[in-house]
Amino acid sequence: MSRVFIAGSSTGLGLMAGQLLIEQGHDVQAHLTQVWLAVGDDAAGVSGQYFYHRCTRETHPAATSTAVQDGLLAACVHLSGVELPAAS
């Protein structure tokens, strides 16, 4: 089969085209991981993981740091002037 490059394949017609081409055995490039996650069974039921080129990857430690998350939220409040509701 052929290698196909698709832009805008994460939604709509691009996603449908990517799914169809993968099912037909084509090597679809561009947004490949998103299409693979949408139509493949390999990652079915997997949640909370970071994928890169159809493989799980470790995230940067800051991605799971509550201190970094709190700092980001504080910056959003400071910049927007909108107070966020307290966590319940």
N, C-alpha and C. Protein backbone atom coordinates (compact mmCIF):
# COMPACT_ATOMS: atom_id res chain seq x y z
N MET A 1 0.83 -1.19 0.00
CA MET A 1 0.00 0.00 0.00
C MET A 1 0.88 1.25 0.00
N SER A 2 0.26 2.38 -0.11
CA SER A 2 1.01 3.63 -0.23
C SER A 2 1.07 4.40 1.08
N ARG A 3 2.02 5.33 1.15
CA ARG A 3 2.12 6.26 2.27
C ARG A 3 1.28 7.48 1.91
N VAL A 4 0.39 7.89 2.82
CA VAL A 4 -0.51 9.01 2.57
C VAL A 4 -0.30 10.05 3.66
N PHE A 5 -0.15 11.31 3.26
CA PHE A 5 -0.02 12.41 4.21
C PHE A 5 -1.34 13.17 4.26
N ILE A 6 -1.87 13.32 5.48
CA ILE A 6 -3.16 14.00 5.65
C ILE A 6 -2.98 15.12 6.68
N ALA A 7 -3.41 16.32 6.31
CA ALA A 7 -3.44 17.43 7.27
C ALA A 7 -4.87 17.57 7.77
N GLY A 8 -5.03 17.93 9.01
CA GLY A 8 -6.38 18.11 9.56
C GLY A 8 -7.10 16.79 9.75
N SER A 9 -6.39 15.77 10.21
CA SER A 9 -7.01 14.45 10.31
C SER A 9 -7.54 14.14 11.71
N SER A 10 -7.62 15.15 12.58
CA SER A 10 -8.08 14.86 13.94
C SER A 10 -9.60 14.94 14.08
N THR A 11 -10.28 15.54 13.12
CA THR A 11 -11.75 15.64 13.17
C THR A 11 -12.32 15.59 11.75
N GLY A 12 -13.61 15.46 11.67
CA GLY A 12 -14.35 15.61 10.42
C GLY A 12 -13.92 14.68 9.31
N LEU A 13 -13.90 15.23 8.09
CA LEU A 13 -13.59 14.45 6.90
C LEU A 13 -12.16 13.91 6.92
N GLY A 14 -11.23 14.69 7.48
CA GLY A 14 -9.85 14.22 7.56
C GLY A 14 -9.73 12.99 8.43
N LEU A 15 -10.46 12.97 9.55
CA LEU A 15 -10.46 11.79 10.43
C LEU A 15 -11.08 10.60 9.73
N MET A 16 -12.21 10.82 9.07
CA MET A 16 -12.87 9.71 8.36
C MET A 16 -11.97 9.16 7.26
N ALA A 17 -11.31 10.06 6.51
CA ALA A 17 -10.41 9.61 5.44
C ALA A 17 -9.24 8.82 6.03
N GLY A 18 -8.67 9.32 7.13
CA GLY A 18 -7.57 8.62 7.78
C GLY A 18 -7.97 7.23 8.25
N GLN A 19 -9.14 7.12 8.85
CA GLN A 19 -9.63 5.83 9.32
C GLN A 19 -9.79 4.85 8.16
N LEU A 20 -10.41 5.32 7.10
CA LEU A 20 -10.64 4.47 5.93
C LEU A 20 -9.31 4.01 5.32
N LEU A 21 -8.37 4.93 5.20
CA LEU A 21 -7.08 4.58 4.60
C LEU A 21 -6.31 3.60 5.47
N ILE A 22 -6.36 3.78 6.80
CA ILE A 22 -5.68 2.83 7.69
C ILE A 22 -6.32 1.46 7.58
N GLU A 23 -7.66 1.41 7.56
CA GLU A 23 -8.36 0.13 7.42
C GLU A 23 -8.00 -0.57 6.12
N GLN A 24 -7.67 0.21 5.08
CA GLN A 24 -7.29 -0.36 3.79
C GLN A 24 -5.81 -0.72 3.75
N GLY A 25 -5.09 -0.47 4.84
CA GLY A 25 -3.70 -0.87 4.91
C GLY A 25 -2.69 0.18 4.51
N HIS A 26 -3.13 1.41 4.25
CA HIS A 26 -2.20 2.47 3.87
C HIS A 26 -1.41 2.95 5.09
N ASP A 27 -0.24 3.49 4.85
CA ASP A 27 0.60 4.07 5.88
C ASP A 27 0.24 5.55 5.96
N VAL A 28 -0.63 5.90 6.92
CA VAL A 28 -1.12 7.28 7.05
C VAL A 28 -0.17 8.07 7.95
N GLN A 29 0.29 9.21 7.45
CA GLN A 29 1.18 10.11 8.19
C GLN A 29 0.45 11.42 8.46
N ALA A 30 0.90 12.16 9.45
CA ALA A 30 0.33 13.44 9.88
C ALA A 30 -0.84 13.15 10.79
N HIS A 31 -0.71 13.53 11.99
CA HIS A 31 -1.70 13.23 13.03
C HIS A 31 -1.89 11.73 13.16
N LEU A 32 -0.85 10.99 12.87
CA LEU A 32 -0.93 9.53 12.85
C LEU A 32 -1.38 8.97 14.19
N THR A 33 -0.82 9.47 15.27
CA THR A 33 -1.15 8.91 16.59
C THR A 33 -2.61 9.13 16.92
N GLN A 34 -3.16 10.31 16.61
CA GLN A 34 -4.56 10.57 16.90
C GLN A 34 -5.48 9.64 16.11
N VAL A 35 -5.17 9.42 14.85
CA VAL A 35 -5.98 8.51 14.04
C VAL A 35 -5.85 7.08 14.57
N TRP A 36 -4.65 6.67 14.90
CA TRP A 36 -4.42 5.33 15.44
C TRP A 36 -5.21 5.13 16.73
N LEU A 37 -5.20 6.14 17.61
CA LEU A 37 -5.96 6.03 18.86
C LEU A 37 -7.46 5.95 18.58
N ALA A 38 -7.91 6.67 17.57
CA ALA A 38 -9.35 6.70 17.26
C ALA A 38 -9.85 5.40 16.66
N VAL A 39 -9.04 4.72 15.86
CA VAL A 39 -9.55 3.54 15.15
C VAL A 39 -8.89 2.24 15.57
N GLY A 40 -7.76 2.31 16.25
CA GLY A 40 -7.03 1.09 16.59
C GLY A 40 -7.52 0.44 17.86
N ASP A 41 -7.26 -0.84 17.98
CA ASP A 41 -7.61 -1.58 19.18
C ASP A 41 -6.45 -1.65 20.16
N ASP A 42 -5.24 -1.30 19.71
CA ASP A 42 -4.05 -1.44 20.54
C ASP A 42 -4.15 -0.65 21.85
N ALA A 43 -4.77 0.52 21.80
CA ALA A 43 -4.84 1.38 22.99
C ALA A 43 -6.28 1.48 23.52
N ALA A 44 -7.13 0.57 23.12
CA ALA A 44 -8.53 0.61 23.57
C ALA A 44 -8.58 0.54 25.10
N GLY A 45 -9.32 1.45 25.68
CA GLY A 45 -9.48 1.47 27.13
C GLY A 45 -8.35 2.12 27.88
N VAL A 46 -7.32 2.58 27.17
CA VAL A 46 -6.20 3.26 27.83
C VAL A 46 -6.57 4.72 28.03
N SER A 47 -6.37 5.20 29.24
CA SER A 47 -6.68 6.59 29.55
C SER A 47 -5.58 7.17 30.43
N GLY A 48 -5.35 8.45 30.29
CA GLY A 48 -4.38 9.12 31.14
C GLY A 48 -2.93 8.89 30.75
N GLN A 49 -2.70 8.43 29.54
CA GLN A 49 -1.33 8.19 29.06
C GLN A 49 -0.97 9.22 28.00
N TYR A 50 0.31 9.47 27.85
CA TYR A 50 0.84 10.35 26.81
C TYR A 50 1.39 9.47 25.70
N PHE A 51 0.95 9.73 24.47
CA PHE A 51 1.41 8.95 23.31
C PHE A 51 2.19 9.84 22.36
N TYR A 52 3.23 9.27 21.79
CA TYR A 52 4.03 9.94 20.77
C TYR A 52 4.44 8.88 19.77
N HIS A 53 4.07 9.08 18.51
CA HIS A 53 4.36 8.12 17.44
C HIS A 53 3.87 6.71 17.82
N ARG A 54 2.64 6.65 18.29
CA ARG A 54 1.94 5.41 18.63
C ARG A 54 2.59 4.61 19.77
N CYS A 55 3.38 5.27 20.59
CA CYS A 55 4.00 4.62 21.75
C CYS A 55 3.77 5.49 22.97
N THR A 56 3.60 4.85 24.13
CA THR A 56 3.49 5.63 25.35
C THR A 56 4.85 6.22 25.69
N ARG A 57 4.82 7.42 26.22
CA ARG A 57 6.04 8.10 26.63
C ARG A 57 5.83 8.66 28.03
N GLU A 58 6.92 8.78 28.75
CA GLU A 58 6.86 9.43 30.06
C GLU A 58 6.64 10.92 29.84
N THR A 59 5.82 11.51 30.70
CA THR A 59 5.61 12.95 30.62
C THR A 59 6.70 13.67 31.40
N HIS A 60 6.82 14.94 31.14
CA HIS A 60 7.74 15.76 31.93
C HIS A 60 7.22 15.77 33.37
N PRO A 61 8.10 15.72 34.37
CA PRO A 61 7.65 15.70 35.76
C PRO A 61 6.71 16.86 36.12
N ALA A 62 6.85 17.99 35.47
CA ALA A 62 5.98 19.13 35.76
C ALA A 62 4.53 18.84 35.41
N ALA A 63 4.30 17.91 34.48
CA ALA A 63 2.93 17.61 34.06
C ALA A 63 2.10 16.99 35.18
N THR A 64 2.74 16.37 36.14
CA THR A 64 2.00 15.75 37.24
C THR A 64 2.25 16.45 38.58
N SER A 65 2.89 17.59 38.54
CA SER A 65 3.20 18.34 39.76
C SER A 65 2.03 19.21 40.16
N THR A 66 1.46 18.97 41.34
CA THR A 66 0.36 19.82 41.81
C THR A 66 0.85 21.25 42.07
N ALA A 67 2.11 21.41 42.44
CA ALA A 67 2.64 22.76 42.65
C ALA A 67 2.65 23.54 41.33
N VAL A 68 3.05 22.89 40.25
CA VAL A 68 3.05 23.55 38.94
C VAL A 68 1.61 23.85 38.51
N GLN A 69 0.70 22.92 38.73
CA GLN A 69 -0.71 23.14 38.38
C GLN A 69 -1.28 24.31 39.18
N ASP A 70 -1.00 24.37 40.48
CA ASP A 70 -1.48 25.48 41.30
C ASP A 70 -0.91 26.80 40.82
N GLY A 71 0.38 26.80 40.44
CA GLY A 71 1.00 28.01 39.92
C GLY A 71 0.36 28.47 38.62
N LEU A 72 0.04 27.52 37.75
CA LEU A 72 -0.62 27.85 36.48
C LEU A 72 -2.00 28.46 36.74
N LEU A 73 -2.76 27.85 37.64
CA LEU A 73 -4.08 28.39 37.96
C LEU A 73 -3.98 29.77 38.58
N ALA A 74 -2.99 29.98 39.45
CA ALA A 74 -2.79 31.29 40.06
C ALA A 74 -2.45 32.34 38.99
N ALA A 75 -1.63 31.96 38.01
CA ALA A 75 -1.29 32.87 36.92
C ALA A 75 -2.53 33.21 36.09
N CYS A 76 -3.39 32.23 35.85
CA CYS A 76 -4.62 32.47 35.10
C CYS A 76 -5.52 33.46 35.84
N VAL A 77 -5.65 33.28 37.15
CA VAL A 77 -6.46 34.20 37.96
C VAL A 77 -5.85 35.60 37.90
N HIS A 78 -4.53 35.69 38.06
CA HIS A 78 -3.85 36.98 38.05
C HIS A 78 -4.05 37.69 36.70
N LEU A 79 -3.87 36.97 35.61
CA LEU A 79 -3.95 37.58 34.28
C LEU A 79 -5.38 37.91 33.86
N SER A 80 -6.33 37.06 34.26
CA SER A 80 -7.72 37.28 33.82
C SER A 80 -8.55 38.09 34.80
N GLY A 81 -8.14 38.08 36.08
CA GLY A 81 -8.94 38.77 37.09
C GLY A 81 -10.17 37.98 37.48
N VAL A 82 -10.27 36.75 37.04
CA VAL A 82 -11.44 35.90 37.33
C VAL A 82 -11.03 34.88 38.39
N GLU A 83 -11.72 34.92 39.53
CA GLU A 83 -11.45 33.93 40.58
C GLU A 83 -12.07 32.60 40.20
N LEU A 84 -11.32 31.55 40.42
CA LEU A 84 -11.82 30.21 40.13
C LEU A 84 -12.52 29.65 41.36
N PRO A 85 -13.56 28.82 41.17
CA PRO A 85 -14.24 28.24 42.33
C PRO A 85 -13.28 27.32 43.10
N ALA A 86 -13.50 27.24 44.40
CA ALA A 86 -12.68 26.37 45.23
C ALA A 86 -12.92 24.92 44.86
N ALA A 87 -11.88 24.12 44.98
CA ALA A 87 -12.01 22.67 44.72
C ALA A 87 -12.91 22.05 45.77
N SER A 88 -13.70 21.09 45.32
CA SER A 88 -14.60 20.44 46.28
C SER A 88 -14.13 19.04 46.61
